Amino acid sequence: HLPVVASRAARHLRVEKAERRGRTYATIECLAHDQRIDELARMLAGEVDSTIARKHAETLLAAASESRERG
């Protein structure tokens, strides 16, 4: 899904898939605020270390939070 859609959610889950001994496993993690910024930055720029993407992720989360507060 799109980063802008993910930023509007009340919770952000990260699903990862891995293979061990020929079997596929999935893990699901509910992300904390800082982890959401990392994940949104990765979704926006393909990497977590992009300063511009991190700022954009922070802006998206702040805007979504303000929107929820206004109702």
PDB file of N, CA and C in Angstrom:
ATOM      1  N   HIS A   1       0.828  -1.182   0.000  1.00  0.00           N
ATOM      2  CA  HIS A   1       0.000   0.000   0.000  1.00  0.00           C
ATOM      3  C   HIS A   1       0.873   1.246   0.000  1.00  0.00           C
ATOM      4  N   LEU A   2       0.262   2.365  -0.148  1.00  0.00           N
ATOM      5  CA  LEU A   2       0.980   3.631  -0.240  1.00  0.00           C
ATOM      6  C   LEU A   2       1.344   4.176   1.135  1.00  0.00           C
ATOM      7  N   PRO A   3       2.485   4.860   1.241  1.00  0.00           N
ATOM      8  CA  PRO A   3       2.896   5.448   2.513  1.00  0.00           C
ATOM      9  C   PRO A   3       1.864   6.418   3.085  1.00  0.00           C
ATOM     10  N   VAL A   4       1.217   7.184   2.233  1.00  0.00           N
ATOM     11  CA  VAL A   4       0.236   8.152   2.727  1.00  0.00           C
ATOM     12  C   VAL A   4      -0.957   7.422   3.358  1.00  0.00           C
ATOM     13  N   VAL A   5      -1.335   6.281   2.824  1.00  0.00           N
ATOM     14  CA  VAL A   5      -2.422   5.487   3.401  1.00  0.00           C
ATOM     15  C   VAL A   5      -1.966   4.890   4.733  1.00  0.00           C
ATOM     16  N   ALA A   6      -0.759   4.348   4.768  1.00  0.00           N
ATOM     17  CA  ALA A   6      -0.222   3.748   5.994  1.00  0.00           C
ATOM     18  C   ALA A   6      -0.109   4.778   7.115  1.00  0.00           C
ATOM     19  N   SER A   7       0.221   6.002   6.759  1.00  0.00           N
ATOM     20  CA  SER A   7       0.389   7.045   7.785  1.00  0.00           C
ATOM     21  C   SER A   7      -0.926   7.415   8.446  1.00  0.00           C
ATOM     22  N   ARG A   8      -2.039   7.178   7.781  1.00  0.00           N
ATOM     23  CA  ARG A   8      -3.352   7.554   8.325  1.00  0.00           C
ATOM     24  C   ARG A   8      -3.896   6.528   9.314  1.00  0.00           C
ATOM     25  N   ALA A   9      -3.313   5.360   9.356  1.00  0.00           N
ATOM     26  CA  ALA A   9      -3.814   4.292  10.226  1.00  0.00           C
ATOM     27  C   ALA A   9      -3.499   4.574  11.691  1.00  0.00           C
ATOM     28  N   ALA A  10      -4.343   4.078  12.565  1.00  0.00           N
ATOM     29  CA  ALA A  10      -4.102   4.216  13.999  1.00  0.00           C
ATOM     30  C   ALA A  10      -2.934   3.336  14.433  1.00  0.00           C
ATOM     31  N   ARG A  11      -2.757   2.206  13.766  1.00  0.00           N
ATOM     32  CA  ARG A  11      -1.646   1.286  14.035  1.00  0.00           C
ATOM     33  C   ARG A  11      -0.981   0.903  12.725  1.00  0.00           C
ATOM     34  N   HIS A  12       0.288   0.566  12.820  1.00  0.00           N
ATOM     35  CA  HIS A  12       1.043   0.153  11.637  1.00  0.00           C
ATOM     36  C   HIS A  12       1.683  -1.193  11.957  1.00  0.00           C
ATOM     37  N   LEU A  13       1.350  -2.188  11.157  1.00  0.00           N
ATOM     38  CA  LEU A  13       1.901  -3.526  11.345  1.00  0.00           C
ATOM     39  C   LEU A  13       2.917  -3.812  10.250  1.00  0.00           C
ATOM     40  N   ARG A  14       4.027  -4.437  10.644  1.00  0.00           N
ATOM     41  CA  ARG A  14       5.027  -4.863   9.658  1.00  0.00           C
ATOM     42  C   ARG A  14       4.960  -6.385   9.590  1.00  0.00           C
ATOM     43  N   VAL A  15       4.788  -6.897   8.381  1.00  0.00           N
ATOM     44  CA  VAL A  15       4.743  -8.335   8.160  1.00  0.00           C
ATOM     45  C   VAL A  15       6.005  -8.725   7.411  1.00  0.00           C
ATOM     46  N   GLU A  16       6.720  -9.690   7.958  1.00  0.00           N
ATOM     47  CA  GLU A  16       7.939 -10.180   7.311  1.00  0.00           C
ATOM     48  C   GLU A  16       7.812 -11.676   7.100  1.00  0.00           C
ATOM     49  N   LYS A  17       8.339 -12.120   5.975  1.00  0.00           N
ATOM     50  CA  LYS A  17       8.290 -13.531   5.631  1.00  0.00           C
ATOM     51  C   LYS A  17       9.720 -14.048   5.522  1.00  0.00           C
ATOM     52  N   ALA A  18       9.968 -15.253   6.052  1.00  0.00           N
ATOM     53  CA  ALA A  18      11.300 -15.850   5.985  1.00  0.00           C
ATOM     54  C   ALA A  18      11.154 -17.358   5.791  1.00  0.00           C
ATOM     55  N   GLU A  19      12.209 -17.956   5.276  1.00  0.00           N
ATOM     56  CA  GLU A  19      12.221 -19.395   5.094  1.00  0.00           C
ATOM     57  C   GLU A  19      13.269 -20.007   6.014  1.00  0.00           C
ATOM     58  N   ARG A  20      12.882 -21.063   6.716  1.00  0.00           N
ATOM     59  CA  ARG A  20      13.799 -21.808   7.576  1.00  0.00           C
ATOM     60  C   ARG A  20      13.575 -23.295   7.359  1.00  0.00           C
ATOM     61  N   ARG A  21      14.643 -23.968   7.030  1.00  0.00           N
ATOM     62  CA  ARG A  21      14.583 -25.424   6.828  1.00  0.00           C
ATOM     63  C   ARG A  21      13.472 -25.835   5.873  1.00  0.00           C
ATOM     64  N   GLY A  22      13.333 -25.085   4.794  1.00  0.00           N
ATOM     65  CA  GLY A  22      12.348 -25.432   3.778  1.00  0.00           C
ATOM     66  C   GLY A  22      10.915 -25.043   4.088  1.00  0.00           C
ATOM     67  N   ARG A  23      10.692 -24.357   5.202  1.00  0.00           N
ATOM     68  CA  ARG A  23       9.345 -23.914   5.566  1.00  0.00           C
ATOM     69  C   ARG A  23       9.298 -22.397   5.588  1.00  0.00           C
ATOM     70  N   THR A  24       8.176 -21.862   5.208  1.00  0.00           N
ATOM     71  CA  THR A  24       7.994 -20.415   5.203  1.00  0.00           C
ATOM     72  C   THR A  24       7.251 -19.989   6.460  1.00  0.00           C
ATOM     73  N   TYR A  25       7.780 -18.958   7.103  1.00  0.00           N
ATOM     74  CA  TYR A  25       7.193 -18.407   8.324  1.00  0.00           C
ATOM     75  C   TYR A  25       6.943 -16.919   8.123  1.00  0.00           C
ATOM     76  N   ALA A  26       5.902 -16.442   8.757  1.00  0.00           N
ATOM     77  CA  ALA A  26       5.606 -15.007   8.732  1.00  0.00           C
ATOM     78  C   ALA A  26       5.579 -14.496  10.161  1.00  0.00           C
ATOM     79  N   THR A  27       6.093 -13.269  10.340  1.00  0.00           N
ATOM     80  CA  THR A  27       6.013 -12.614  11.637  1.00  0.00           C
ATOM     81  C   THR A  27       5.288 -11.286  11.453  1.00  0.00           C
ATOM     82  N   ILE A  28       4.541 -10.903  12.457  1.00  0.00           N
ATOM     83  CA  ILE A  28       3.798  -9.646  12.435  1.00  0.00           C
ATOM     84  C   ILE A  28       4.187  -8.857  13.667  1.00  0.00           C
ATOM     85  N   GLU A  29       4.544  -7.583  13.449  1.00  0.00           N
ATOM     86  CA  GLU A  29       4.975  -6.726  14.555  1.00  0.00           C
ATOM     87  C   GLU A  29       4.219  -5.406  14.498  1.00  0.00           C
ATOM     88  N   CYS A  30       3.665  -4.995  15.633  1.00  0.00           N
ATOM     89  CA  CYS A  30       3.022  -3.691  15.737  1.00  0.00           C
ATOM     90  C   CYS A  30       4.129  -2.671  16.010  1.00  0.00           C
ATOM     91  N   LEU A  31       4.223  -1.654  15.167  1.00  0.00           N
ATOM     92  CA  LEU A  31       5.334  -0.709  15.233  1.00  0.00           C
ATOM     93  C   LEU A  31       5.060   0.454  16.184  1.00  0.00           C
ATOM     94  N   ALA A  32       6.093   0.837  16.926  1.00  0.00           N
ATOM     95  CA  ALA A  32       6.070   2.036  17.756  1.00  0.00           C
ATOM     96  C   ALA A  32       6.273   3.249  16.842  1.00  0.00           C
ATOM     97  N   HIS A  33       6.093   4.437  17.381  1.00  0.00           N
ATOM     98  CA  HIS A  33       6.170   5.667  16.578  1.00  0.00           C
ATOM     99  C   HIS A  33       7.478   5.772  15.780  1.00  0.00           C
ATOM    100  N   ASP A  34       8.620   5.596  16.436  1.00  0.00           N
ATOM    101  CA  ASP A  34       9.904   5.708  15.733  1.00  0.00           C
ATOM    102  C   ASP A  34      10.053   4.637  14.655  1.00  0.00           C
ATOM    103  N   GLN A  35       9.538   3.446  14.931  1.00  0.00           N
ATOM    104  CA  GLN A  35       9.587   2.380  13.933  1.00  0.00           C
ATOM    105  C   GLN A  35       8.690   2.708  12.744  1.00  0.00           C
ATOM    106  N   ARG A  36       7.582   3.380  13.006  1.00  0.00           N
ATOM    107  CA  ARG A  36       6.693   3.800  11.904  1.00  0.00           C
ATOM    108  C   ARG A  36       7.408   4.783  10.995  1.00  0.00           C
ATOM    109  N   ILE A  37       8.160   5.705  11.584  1.00  0.00           N
ATOM    110  CA  ILE A  37       8.922   6.656  10.778  1.00  0.00           C
ATOM    111  C   ILE A  37       9.916   5.907   9.899  1.00  0.00           C
ATOM    112  N   ASP A  38      10.639   4.949  10.487  1.00  0.00           N
ATOM    113  CA  ASP A  38      11.585   4.145   9.711  1.00  0.00           C
ATOM    114  C   ASP A  38      10.896   3.427   8.554  1.00  0.00           C
ATOM    115  N   GLU A  39       9.770   2.793   8.848  1.00  0.00           N
ATOM    116  CA  GLU A  39       9.069   2.010   7.821  1.00  0.00           C
ATOM    117  C   GLU A  39       8.484   2.906   6.737  1.00  0.00           C
ATOM    118  N   LEU A  40       7.900   4.033   7.121  1.00  0.00           N
ATOM    119  CA  LEU A  40       7.370   4.960   6.115  1.00  0.00           C
ATOM    120  C   LEU A  40       8.492   5.527   5.255  1.00  0.00           C
ATOM    121  N   ALA A  41       9.642   5.839   5.867  1.00  0.00           N
ATOM    122  CA  ALA A  41      10.792   6.332   5.096  1.00  0.00           C
ATOM    123  C   ALA A  41      11.251   5.270   4.105  1.00  0.00           C
ATOM    124  N   ARG A  42      11.275   4.019   4.532  1.00  0.00           N
ATOM    125  CA  ARG A  42      11.658   2.928   3.635  1.00  0.00           C
ATOM    126  C   ARG A  42      10.664   2.805   2.484  1.00  0.00           C
ATOM    127  N   MET A  43       9.381   2.960   2.793  1.00  0.00           N
ATOM    128  CA  MET A  43       8.352   2.881   1.755  1.00  0.00           C
ATOM    129  C   MET A  43       8.464   4.050   0.771  1.00  0.00           C
ATOM    130  N   LEU A  44       8.830   5.213   1.272  1.00  0.00           N
ATOM    131  CA  LEU A  44       8.927   6.409   0.428  1.00  0.00           C
ATOM    132  C   LEU A  44      10.173   6.412  -0.458  1.00  0.00           C
ATOM    133  N   ALA A  45      11.317   5.999   0.115  1.00  0.00           N
ATOM    134  CA  ALA A  45      12.590   6.162  -0.602  1.00  0.00           C
ATOM    135  C   ALA A  45      13.325   4.854  -0.861  1.00  0.00           C
ATOM    136  N   GLY A  46      12.818   3.767  -0.320  1.00  0.00           N
ATOM    137  CA  GLY A  46      13.510   2.503  -0.499  1.00  0.00           C
ATOM    138  C   GLY A  46      14.639   2.289   0.486  1.00  0.00           C
ATOM    139  N   GLU A  47      14.816   3.231   1.410  1.00  0.00           N
ATOM    140  CA  GLU A  47      15.854   3.117   2.433  1.00  0.00           C
ATOM    141  C   GLU A  47      15.443   3.909   3.668  1.00  0.00           C
ATOM    142  N   VAL A  48      15.924   3.492   4.809  1.00  0.00           N
ATOM    143  CA  VAL A  48      15.563   4.137   6.070  1.00  0.00           C
ATOM    144  C   VAL A  48      16.400   5.382   6.320  1.00  0.00           C
ATOM    145  N   ASP A  49      17.605   5.424   5.774  1.00  0.00           N
ATOM    146  CA  ASP A  49      18.557   6.490   6.095  1.00  0.00           C
ATOM    147  C   ASP A  49      18.384   7.779   5.296  1.00  0.00           C
ATOM    148  N   SER A  50      17.352   7.884   4.488  1.00  0.00           N
ATOM    149  CA  SER A  50      17.119   9.091   3.706  1.00  0.00           C
ATOM    150  C   SER A  50      16.550  10.186   4.607  1.00  0.00           C
ATOM    151  N   THR A  51      17.307  11.263   4.771  1.00  0.00           N
ATOM    152  CA  THR A  51      16.872  12.378   5.626  1.00  0.00           C
ATOM    153  C   THR A  51      15.574  12.983   5.106  1.00  0.00           C
ATOM    154  N   ILE A  52      15.481  13.164   3.813  1.00  0.00           N
ATOM    155  CA  ILE A  52      14.280  13.756   3.216  1.00  0.00           C
ATOM    156  C   ILE A  52      13.073  12.844   3.427  1.00  0.00           C
ATOM    157  N   ALA A  53      13.244  11.549   3.214  1.00  0.00           N
ATOM    158  CA  ALA A  53      12.135  10.604   3.398  1.00  0.00           C
ATOM    159  C   ALA A  53      11.704  10.556   4.860  1.00  0.00           C
ATOM    160  N   ARG A  54      12.659  10.614   5.788  1.00  0.00           N
ATOM    161  CA  ARG A  54      12.311  10.595   7.220  1.00  0.00           C
ATOM    162  C   ARG A  54      11.495  11.840   7.586  1.00  0.00           C
ATOM    163  N   LYS A  55      11.898  13.006   7.074  1.00  0.00           N
ATOM    164  CA  LYS A  55      11.146  14.239   7.338  1.00  0.00           C
ATOM    165  C   LYS A  55       9.737  14.148   6.764  1.00  0.00           C
ATOM    166  N   HIS A  56       9.643  13.591   5.557  1.00  0.00           N
ATOM    167  CA  HIS A  56       8.334  13.433   4.931  1.00  0.00           C
ATOM    168  C   HIS A  56       7.476  12.468   5.749  1.00  0.00           C
ATOM    169  N   ALA A  57       8.054  11.383   6.228  1.00  0.00           N
ATOM    170  CA  ALA A  57       7.330  10.418   7.061  1.00  0.00           C
ATOM    171  C   ALA A  57       6.827  11.084   8.338  1.00  0.00           C
ATOM    172  N   GLU A  58       7.669  11.874   8.973  1.00  0.00           N
ATOM    173  CA  GLU A  58       7.268  12.591  10.190  1.00  0.00           C
ATOM    174  C   GLU A  58       6.112  13.544   9.900  1.00  0.00           C
ATOM    175  N   THR A  59       6.173  14.224   8.763  1.00  0.00           N
ATOM    176  CA  THR A  59       5.120  15.156   8.363  1.00  0.00           C
ATOM    177  C   THR A  59       3.808  14.417   8.120  1.00  0.00           C
ATOM    178  N   LEU A  60       3.878  13.273   7.447  1.00  0.00           N
ATOM    179  CA  LEU A  60       2.672  12.483   7.193  1.00  0.00           C
ATOM    180  C   LEU A  60       2.021  12.027   8.500  1.00  0.00           C
ATOM    181  N   LEU A  61       2.836  11.539   9.439  1.00  0.00           N
ATOM    182  CA  LEU A  61       2.300  11.081  10.719  1.00  0.00           C
ATOM    183  C   LEU A  61       1.698  12.235  11.523  1.00  0.00           C
ATOM    184  N   ALA A  62       2.341  13.379  11.512  1.00  0.00           N
ATOM    185  CA  ALA A  62       1.833  14.548  12.242  1.00  0.00           C
ATOM    186  C   ALA A  62       0.498  15.004  11.650  1.00  0.00           C
ATOM    187  N   ALA A  63       0.406  15.038  10.332  1.00  0.00           N
ATOM    188  CA  ALA A  63      -0.823  15.461   9.677  1.00  0.00           C
ATOM    189  C   ALA A  63      -1.963  14.482   9.982  1.00  0.00           C
ATOM    190  N   ALA A  64      -1.665  13.192   9.991  1.00  0.00           N
ATOM    191  CA  ALA A  64      -2.692  12.193  10.292  1.00  0.00           C
ATOM    192  C   ALA A  64      -3.149  12.331  11.738  1.00  0.00           C
ATOM    193  N   SER A  65      -2.227  12.592  12.646  1.00  0.00           N
ATOM    194  CA  SER A  65      -2.558  12.757  14.058  1.00  0.00           C
ATOM    195  C   SER A  65      -3.453  13.980  14.252  1.00  0.00           C
ATOM    196  N   GLU A  66      -3.125  15.083  13.602  1.00  0.00           N
ATOM    197  CA  GLU A  66      -3.938  16.304  13.700  1.00  0.00           C
ATOM    198  C   GLU A  66      -5.336  16.063  13.153  1.00  0.00           C
ATOM    199  N   SER A  67      -5.411  15.321  12.059  1.00  0.00           N
ATOM    200  CA  SER A  67      -6.708  15.027  11.446  1.00  0.00           C
ATOM    201  C   SER A  67      -7.578  14.197  12.387  1.00  0.00           C
ATOM    202  N   ARG A  68      -6.974  13.206  13.058  1.00  0.00           N
ATOM    203  CA  ARG A  68      -7.723  12.385  14.014  1.00  0.00           C
ATOM    204  C   ARG A  68      -8.200  13.221  15.197  1.00  0.00           C
ATOM    205  N   GLU A  69      -7.389  14.148  15.662  1.00  0.00           N
ATOM    206  CA  GLU A  69      -7.754  14.999  16.809  1.00  0.00           C
ATOM    207  C   GLU A  69      -8.932  15.912  16.478  1.00  0.00           C
ATOM    208  N   ARG A  70      -8.995  16.360  15.223  1.00  0.00           N
ATOM    209  CA  ARG A  70     -10.099  17.232  14.809  1.00  0.00           C
ATOM    210  C   ARG A  70     -11.388  16.457  14.616  1.00  0.00           C
ATOM    211  N   GLY A  71     -11.238  15.157  14.422  1.00  0.00           N
ATOM    212  CA  GLY A  71     -12.422  14.314  14.272  1.00  0.00           C
ATOM    213  C   GLY A  71     -12.824  14.220  12.890  1.00  0.00           C
TER     214      GLY A  71
END
